[in-house]
Amino acid sequence: MKLIAPSLLSVLVLLTSSALADNTLAKFKGGIGVIPVSSGVGMAPTAAVVNRNIVRGVQPAGQPWVIRDLDATVKTDGSIGVKGQGLLLAGGDSIGFNAGASVFVTLLCALNTTPITFSAHSTPTTGVPLAPDGDFEIHEEPVAAILRGTMADLLATLLESPKAERVATGFVFTEGPLWHPDDFFYFVDIRQSHLHRIRLGKPAELVRAD
């Protein structure tokens, strides 16, 4: 999920989401500001060529920004509410100020495609003005039609099949799994202190035994 201001402001939210009760589909806690440049080319003290810090196709701001705190809730009806604190410039002559910016929220949803693609769903791009201290609140705006419906409907948009399938056996007490971008899953056999890796259609591999 991203918060994007018309002044090229972007704030990336990175935390595990979980399906909850009261029509809550996911919650996000905490925010990460943005640094406009991700890396420089070469080994010289200064770089003539740099790589912009583009995330999921979203261009970074011209100056770095910081955020003190952020809470976001996504509901099963496709609405999202966000409350942020201390979203301010971290560089340039206006450091510590809000630059007169407004923010809106874009929810990026991973689609079940190969390679993985993302669909973007935004609140009105007119945005919400930042307070002088960088605080803001976006009330529950409908953003994603794909989220509307029952939990079974939601799973049908994410999974190839809603039916459970046994892919491996021989473990004592497992926890996870954690998906890796290289198209495999990590999981832990807690009682045996074993870390495993599995690719669909292949046997589980023992990665580490402690």
C-alpha atoms as a PDB file:
ATOM      1  CA  MET A   1       0.000   0.000   0.000  1.00  0.00           C
ATOM      2  CA  LYS A   2       1.261   3.502  -0.786  1.00  0.00           C
ATOM      3  CA  LEU A   3       0.405   6.992   0.261  1.00  0.00           C
ATOM      4  CA  ILE A   4       1.045   9.372  -2.596  1.00  0.00           C
ATOM      5  CA  ALA A   5       0.850  13.182  -2.612  1.00  0.00           C
ATOM      6  CA  PRO A   6       0.538  15.362  -5.721  1.00  0.00           C
ATOM      7  CA  SER A   7       3.981  16.806  -4.900  1.00  0.00           C
ATOM      8  CA  LEU A   8       5.528  13.400  -5.743  1.00  0.00           C
ATOM      9  CA  LEU A   9       5.415  12.372  -2.098  1.00  0.00           C
ATOM     10  CA  SER A  10       5.335   8.641  -1.427  1.00  0.00           C
ATOM     11  CA  VAL A  11       5.311   6.628   1.774  1.00  0.00           C
ATOM     12  CA  LEU A  12       5.590   2.848   1.713  1.00  0.00           C
ATOM     13  CA  VAL A  13       3.793   0.801   4.347  1.00  0.00           C
ATOM     14  CA  LEU A  14       5.358  -2.585   5.055  1.00  0.00           C
ATOM     15  CA  LEU A  15       3.844  -4.892   7.631  1.00  0.00           C
ATOM     16  CA  THR A  16       2.127  -8.243   7.731  1.00  0.00           C
ATOM     17  CA  SER A  17      -1.630  -8.082   7.187  1.00  0.00           C
ATOM     18  CA  SER A  18      -4.147 -10.504   8.667  1.00  0.00           C
ATOM     19  CA  ALA A  19      -7.819 -11.290   8.183  1.00  0.00           C
ATOM     20  CA  LEU A  20      -9.773 -10.241  11.262  1.00  0.00           C
ATOM     21  CA  ALA A  21     -13.325 -10.031  12.523  1.00  0.00           C
ATOM     22  CA  ASP A  22     -15.756  -7.087  12.147  1.00  0.00           C
ATOM     23  CA  ASN A  23     -15.349  -7.051   8.344  1.00  0.00           C
ATOM     24  CA  THR A  24     -11.668  -6.157   8.654  1.00  0.00           C
ATOM     25  CA  LEU A  25      -9.620  -7.782   5.896  1.00  0.00           C
ATOM     26  CA  ALA A  26      -6.172  -6.443   6.786  1.00  0.00           C
ATOM     27  CA  LYS A  27      -4.400  -4.025   9.106  1.00  0.00           C
ATOM     28  CA  PHE A  28      -1.111  -2.206   8.598  1.00  0.00           C
ATOM     29  CA  LYS A  29       0.958  -0.652  11.374  1.00  0.00           C
ATOM     30  CA  GLY A  30       3.910   1.643  10.856  1.00  0.00           C
ATOM     31  CA  GLY A  31       5.251   3.548   7.872  1.00  0.00           C
ATOM     32  CA  ILE A  32       8.530   3.976   6.032  1.00  0.00           C
ATOM     33  CA  GLY A  33       9.518   7.274   4.441  1.00  0.00           C
ATOM     34  CA  VAL A  34      11.181   7.567   1.068  1.00  0.00           C
ATOM     35  CA  ILE A  35      14.692   8.312  -0.193  1.00  0.00           C
ATOM     36  CA  PRO A  36      14.550   9.487  -3.829  1.00  0.00           C
ATOM     37  CA  VAL A  37      17.715   7.622  -4.925  1.00  0.00           C
ATOM     38  CA  SER A  38      18.227   3.900  -4.269  1.00  0.00           C
ATOM     39  CA  SER A  39      21.818   3.584  -5.531  1.00  0.00           C
ATOM     40  CA  GLY A  40      24.619   5.193  -7.515  1.00  0.00           C
ATOM     41  CA  VAL A  41      26.606   3.681 -10.377  1.00  0.00           C
ATOM     42  CA  GLY A  42      30.355   3.181  -9.920  1.00  0.00           C
ATOM     43  CA  MET A  43      32.832   3.372  -7.041  1.00  0.00           C
ATOM     44  CA  ALA A  44      33.676   7.098  -7.175  1.00  0.00           C
ATOM     45  CA  PRO A  45      32.882   9.378  -4.189  1.00  0.00           C
ATOM     46  CA  THR A  46      30.141  10.979  -6.303  1.00  0.00           C
ATOM     47  CA  ALA A  47      27.984   9.271  -8.925  1.00  0.00           C
ATOM     48  CA  ALA A  48      27.036  10.850 -12.242  1.00  0.00           C
ATOM     49  CA  VAL A  49      24.415   8.134 -12.826  1.00  0.00           C
ATOM     50  CA  VAL A  50      21.923   7.161 -10.118  1.00  0.00           C
ATOM     51  CA  ASN A  51      18.951   4.786  -9.867  1.00  0.00           C
ATOM     52  CA  ARG A  52      15.711   6.369  -8.705  1.00  0.00           C
ATOM     53  CA  ASN A  53      13.988   4.572  -5.850  1.00  0.00           C
ATOM     54  CA  ILE A  54      10.931   3.429  -7.847  1.00  0.00           C
ATOM     55  CA  VAL A  55       8.633   1.007  -6.004  1.00  0.00           C
ATOM     56  CA  ARG A  56       5.939  -0.943  -7.912  1.00  0.00           C
ATOM     57  CA  GLY A  57       6.102   1.635 -10.693  1.00  0.00           C
ATOM     58  CA  VAL A  58       5.564   4.606  -8.340  1.00  0.00           C
ATOM     59  CA  GLN A  59       8.105   7.404  -8.723  1.00  0.00           C
ATOM     60  CA  PRO A  60       9.731   8.718  -5.519  1.00  0.00           C
ATOM     61  CA  ALA A  61       9.459  12.261  -4.255  1.00  0.00           C
ATOM     62  CA  GLY A  62      12.089  14.833  -5.199  1.00  0.00           C
ATOM     63  CA  GLN A  63      13.161  15.135  -1.543  1.00  0.00           C
ATOM     64  CA  PRO A  64      13.274  12.555   1.277  1.00  0.00           C
ATOM     65  CA  TRP A  65      10.246  12.323   3.570  1.00  0.00           C
ATOM     66  CA  VAL A  66       9.813  10.763   7.012  1.00  0.00           C
ATOM     67  CA  ILE A  67       6.721   9.593   8.891  1.00  0.00           C
ATOM     68  CA  ARG A  68       6.415   9.087  12.654  1.00  0.00           C
ATOM     69  CA  ASP A  69       3.501   6.636  12.735  1.00  0.00           C
ATOM     70  CA  LEU A  70       0.789   5.181  10.511  1.00  0.00           C
ATOM     71  CA  ASP A  71      -2.254   2.929  10.966  1.00  0.00           C
ATOM     72  CA  ALA A  72      -4.348   1.621   8.070  1.00  0.00           C
ATOM     73  CA  THR A  73      -7.347  -0.715   7.968  1.00  0.00           C
ATOM     74  CA  VAL A  74      -8.766  -2.418   4.873  1.00  0.00           C
ATOM     75  CA  LYS A  75     -12.349  -3.673   5.104  1.00  0.00           C
ATOM     76  CA  THR A  76     -13.953  -6.500   3.143  1.00  0.00           C
ATOM     77  CA  ASP A  77     -16.279  -4.006   1.428  1.00  0.00           C
ATOM     78  CA  GLY A  78     -13.242  -2.488  -0.299  1.00  0.00           C
ATOM     79  CA  SER A  79     -12.912   0.587   1.911  1.00  0.00           C
ATOM     80  CA  ILE A  80      -9.729   1.744   3.575  1.00  0.00           C
ATOM     81  CA  GLY A  81      -9.079   4.132   6.455  1.00  0.00           C
ATOM     82  CA  VAL A  82      -5.659   5.611   7.234  1.00  0.00           C
ATOM     83  CA  LYS A  83      -4.333   7.750  10.080  1.00  0.00           C
ATOM     84  CA  GLY A  84      -0.796   9.119   9.876  1.00  0.00           C
ATOM     85  CA  GLN A  85       1.386  11.264  12.128  1.00  0.00           C
ATOM     86  CA  GLY A  86       4.459  13.349  11.418  1.00  0.00           C
ATOM     87  CA  LEU A  87       4.675  13.082   7.618  1.00  0.00           C
ATOM     88  CA  LEU A  88       7.285  15.784   6.918  1.00  0.00           C
ATOM     89  CA  LEU A  89      10.136  16.660   4.584  1.00  0.00           C
ATOM     90  CA  ALA A  90      13.521  15.271   5.664  1.00  0.00           C
ATOM     91  CA  GLY A  91      15.685  17.322   3.276  1.00  0.00           C
ATOM     92  CA  GLY A  92      16.014  20.610   1.423  1.00  0.00           C
ATOM     93  CA  ASP A  93      15.263  24.152   2.579  1.00  0.00           C
ATOM     94  CA  SER A  94      11.784  23.122   3.782  1.00  0.00           C
ATOM     95  CA  ILE A  95      13.040  20.291   5.999  1.00  0.00           C
ATOM     96  CA  GLY A  96      10.670  19.668   8.916  1.00  0.00           C
ATOM     97  CA  PHE A  97       7.675  21.178   7.097  1.00  0.00           C
ATOM     98  CA  ASN A  98       4.792  19.604   5.166  1.00  0.00           C
ATOM     99  CA  ALA A  99       5.461  21.449   1.859  1.00  0.00           C
ATOM    100  CA  GLY A 100       1.741  22.219   1.619  1.00  0.00           C
ATOM    101  CA  ALA A 101       1.196  18.668   0.369  1.00  0.00           C
ATOM    102  CA  SER A 102      -1.949  16.551   0.323  1.00  0.00           C
ATOM    103  CA  VAL A 103      -2.001  12.756   0.500  1.00  0.00           C
ATOM    104  CA  PHE A 104      -4.171   9.994  -0.882  1.00  0.00           C
ATOM    105  CA  VAL A 105      -3.857   6.250  -0.477  1.00  0.00           C
ATOM    106  CA  THR A 106      -3.277   3.614  -3.131  1.00  0.00           C
ATOM    107  CA  LEU A 107      -3.798  -0.052  -2.309  1.00  0.00           C
ATOM    108  CA  LEU A 108      -1.585  -2.344  -4.427  1.00  0.00           C
ATOM    109  CA  CYS A 109      -2.978  -5.880  -4.687  1.00  0.00           C
ATOM    110  CA  ALA A 110      -0.851  -8.788  -5.933  1.00  0.00           C
ATOM    111  CA  LEU A 111      -2.680 -10.806  -8.594  1.00  0.00           C
ATOM    112  CA  ASN A 112      -2.442 -14.544  -9.132  1.00  0.00           C
ATOM    113  CA  THR A 113      -0.455 -14.263 -12.365  1.00  0.00           C
ATOM    114  CA  THR A 114       2.944 -15.400 -13.665  1.00  0.00           C
ATOM    115  CA  PRO A 115       4.932 -13.220 -13.401  1.00  0.00           C
ATOM    116  CA  ILE A 116       3.160 -11.557 -10.487  1.00  0.00           C
ATOM    117  CA  THR A 117       1.399  -8.312 -11.398  1.00  0.00           C
ATOM    118  CA  PHE A 118      -0.317  -5.729  -9.216  1.00  0.00           C
ATOM    119  CA  SER A 119      -3.583  -3.829  -9.469  1.00  0.00           C
ATOM    120  CA  ALA A 120      -3.809  -0.325  -7.992  1.00  0.00           C
ATOM    121  CA  HIS A 121      -6.887   1.127  -6.248  1.00  0.00           C
ATOM    122  CA  SER A 122      -6.824   4.715  -4.958  1.00  0.00           C
ATOM    123  CA  THR A 123      -8.869   7.104  -2.854  1.00  0.00           C
ATOM    124  CA  PRO A 124      -9.670  10.461  -4.569  1.00  0.00           C
ATOM    125  CA  THR A 125      -6.407  11.928  -5.873  1.00  0.00           C
ATOM    126  CA  THR A 126      -7.366  15.396  -4.676  1.00  0.00           C
ATOM    127  CA  GLY A 127      -6.080  14.068  -1.378  1.00  0.00           C
ATOM    128  CA  VAL A 128      -6.276  15.193   2.233  1.00  0.00           C
ATOM    129  CA  PRO A 129      -4.153  18.222   3.257  1.00  0.00           C
ATOM    130  CA  LEU A 130      -1.382  17.564   5.747  1.00  0.00           C
ATOM    131  CA  ALA A 131      -1.633  19.408   9.060  1.00  0.00           C
ATOM    132  CA  PRO A 132       1.350  21.668   9.920  1.00  0.00           C
ATOM    133  CA  ASP A 133       2.799  18.852  12.057  1.00  0.00           C
ATOM    134  CA  GLY A 134       2.342  16.312   9.226  1.00  0.00           C
ATOM    135  CA  ASP A 135      -0.683  14.566  10.703  1.00  0.00           C
ATOM    136  CA  PHE A 136      -3.555  13.423   8.463  1.00  0.00           C
ATOM    137  CA  GLU A 137      -6.572  11.121   8.440  1.00  0.00           C
ATOM    138  CA  ILE A 138      -8.326   9.473   5.510  1.00  0.00           C
ATOM    139  CA  HIS A 139     -11.719   8.113   6.502  1.00  0.00           C
ATOM    140  CA  GLU A 140     -13.009   4.828   5.148  1.00  0.00           C
ATOM    141  CA  GLU A 141     -13.048   5.471   1.415  1.00  0.00           C
ATOM    142  CA  PRO A 142     -14.051   2.688  -1.008  1.00  0.00           C
ATOM    143  CA  VAL A 143     -10.998   1.876  -3.125  1.00  0.00           C
ATOM    144  CA  ALA A 144     -11.024  -1.756  -4.311  1.00  0.00           C
ATOM    145  CA  ALA A 145     -14.024  -3.422  -5.886  1.00  0.00           C
ATOM    146  CA  ILE A 146     -12.112  -6.723  -5.898  1.00  0.00           C
ATOM    147  CA  LEU A 147     -12.269  -6.757  -2.111  1.00  0.00           C
ATOM    148  CA  ARG A 148     -16.045  -6.623  -1.878  1.00  0.00           C
ATOM    149  CA  GLY A 149     -17.849  -9.835  -0.985  1.00  0.00           C
ATOM    150  CA  THR A 150     -17.544 -12.730   1.427  1.00  0.00           C
ATOM    151  CA  MET A 151     -14.242 -14.255   2.529  1.00  0.00           C
ATOM    152  CA  ALA A 152     -14.860 -17.144   0.111  1.00  0.00           C
ATOM    153  CA  ASP A 153     -15.243 -14.616  -2.710  1.00  0.00           C
ATOM    154  CA  LEU A 154     -12.008 -12.918  -1.665  1.00  0.00           C
ATOM    155  CA  LEU A 155     -10.086 -16.173  -1.618  1.00  0.00           C
ATOM    156  CA  ALA A 156     -11.403 -17.039  -5.063  1.00  0.00           C
ATOM    157  CA  THR A 157      -9.697 -13.903  -6.424  1.00  0.00           C
ATOM    158  CA  LEU A 158      -6.359 -14.895  -4.865  1.00  0.00           C
ATOM    159  CA  LEU A 159      -6.169 -18.696  -5.079  1.00  0.00           C
ATOM    160  CA  GLU A 160      -6.203 -21.123  -7.986  1.00  0.00           C
ATOM    161  CA  SER A 161      -8.513 -23.346  -5.927  1.00  0.00           C
ATOM    162  CA  PRO A 162     -10.179 -22.907  -2.496  1.00  0.00           C
ATOM    163  CA  LYS A 163      -9.660 -26.639  -1.781  1.00  0.00           C
ATOM    164  CA  ALA A 164      -6.876 -27.642   0.629  1.00  0.00           C
ATOM    165  CA  GLU A 165      -4.214 -29.960  -0.788  1.00  0.00           C
ATOM    166  CA  ARG A 166      -1.518 -31.880   1.128  1.00  0.00           C
ATOM    167  CA  VAL A 167       1.845 -31.079  -0.430  1.00  0.00           C
ATOM    168  CA  ALA A 168       4.225 -32.680   2.128  1.00  0.00           C
ATOM    169  CA  THR A 169       4.186 -34.924   5.214  1.00  0.00           C
ATOM    170  CA  GLY A 170       6.582 -36.214   7.880  1.00  0.00           C
ATOM    171  CA  PHE A 171       6.735 -33.167  10.144  1.00  0.00           C
ATOM    172  CA  VAL A 172       5.917 -32.797  13.849  1.00  0.00           C
ATOM    173  CA  PHE A 173       4.546 -29.255  14.317  1.00  0.00           C
ATOM    174  CA  THR A 174       4.853 -26.770  11.457  1.00  0.00           C
ATOM    175  CA  GLU A 175       4.421 -23.016  11.293  1.00  0.00           C
ATOM    176  CA  GLY A 176       4.404 -20.590   8.376  1.00  0.00           C
ATOM    177  CA  PRO A 177       4.550 -20.647   5.439  1.00  0.00           C
ATOM    178  CA  LEU A 178       6.464 -17.611   4.186  1.00  0.00           C
ATOM    179  CA  TRP A 179       6.464 -17.032   0.428  1.00  0.00           C
ATOM    180  CA  HIS A 180       9.746 -16.081  -1.291  1.00  0.00           C
ATOM    181  CA  PRO A 181       9.834 -14.069  -4.562  1.00  0.00           C
ATOM    182  CA  ASP A 182      11.893 -16.880  -6.156  1.00  0.00           C
ATOM    183  CA  ASP A 183       8.675 -18.943  -6.160  1.00  0.00           C
ATOM    184  CA  PHE A 184       9.062 -21.167  -3.104  1.00  0.00           C
ATOM    185  CA  PHE A 185       7.870 -21.224   0.508  1.00  0.00           C
ATOM    186  CA  TYR A 186       9.792 -21.371   3.766  1.00  0.00           C
ATOM    187  CA  PHE A 187       8.223 -23.106   6.767  1.00  0.00           C
ATOM    188  CA  VAL A 188       9.443 -24.253  10.181  1.00  0.00           C
ATOM    189  CA  ASP A 189       9.055 -27.595  11.974  1.00  0.00           C
ATOM    190  CA  ILE A 190       9.143 -26.062  15.442  1.00  0.00           C
ATOM    191  CA  ARG A 191       9.489 -29.204  17.561  1.00  0.00           C
ATOM    192  CA  GLN A 192      12.506 -30.347  15.553  1.00  0.00           C
ATOM    193  CA  SER A 193      13.963 -26.832  15.060  1.00  0.00           C
ATOM    194  CA  HIS A 194      14.148 -27.388  11.305  1.00  0.00           C
ATOM    195  CA  LEU A 195      13.776 -24.769   8.593  1.00  0.00           C
ATOM    196  CA  HIS A 196      12.412 -26.187   5.325  1.00  0.00           C
ATOM    197  CA  ARG A 197      11.924 -24.893   1.806  1.00  0.00           C
ATOM    198  CA  ILE A 198       9.341 -26.246  -0.612  1.00  0.00           C
ATOM    199  CA  ARG A 199       8.446 -25.625  -4.234  1.00  0.00           C
ATOM    200  CA  LEU A 200       5.012 -26.753  -5.353  1.00  0.00           C
ATOM    201  CA  GLY A 201       5.193 -30.161  -6.991  1.00  0.00           C
ATOM    202  CA  LYS A 202       8.564 -30.976  -5.404  1.00  0.00           C
ATOM    203  CA  PRO A 203       9.627 -32.565  -2.061  1.00  0.00           C
ATOM    204  CA  ALA A 204      10.452 -30.281   0.872  1.00  0.00           C
ATOM    205  CA  GLU A 205      14.138 -29.438   1.337  1.00  0.00           C
ATOM    206  CA  LEU A 206      15.848 -29.122   4.721  1.00  0.00           C
ATOM    207  CA  VAL A 207      17.517 -25.694   4.781  1.00  0.00           C
ATOM    208  CA  ARG A 208      18.771 -25.580   8.350  1.00  0.00           C
ATOM    209  CA  ALA A 209      18.727 -27.788  11.456  1.00  0.00           C
ATOM    210  CA  ASP A 210      19.494 -26.183  14.825  1.00  0.00           C
END
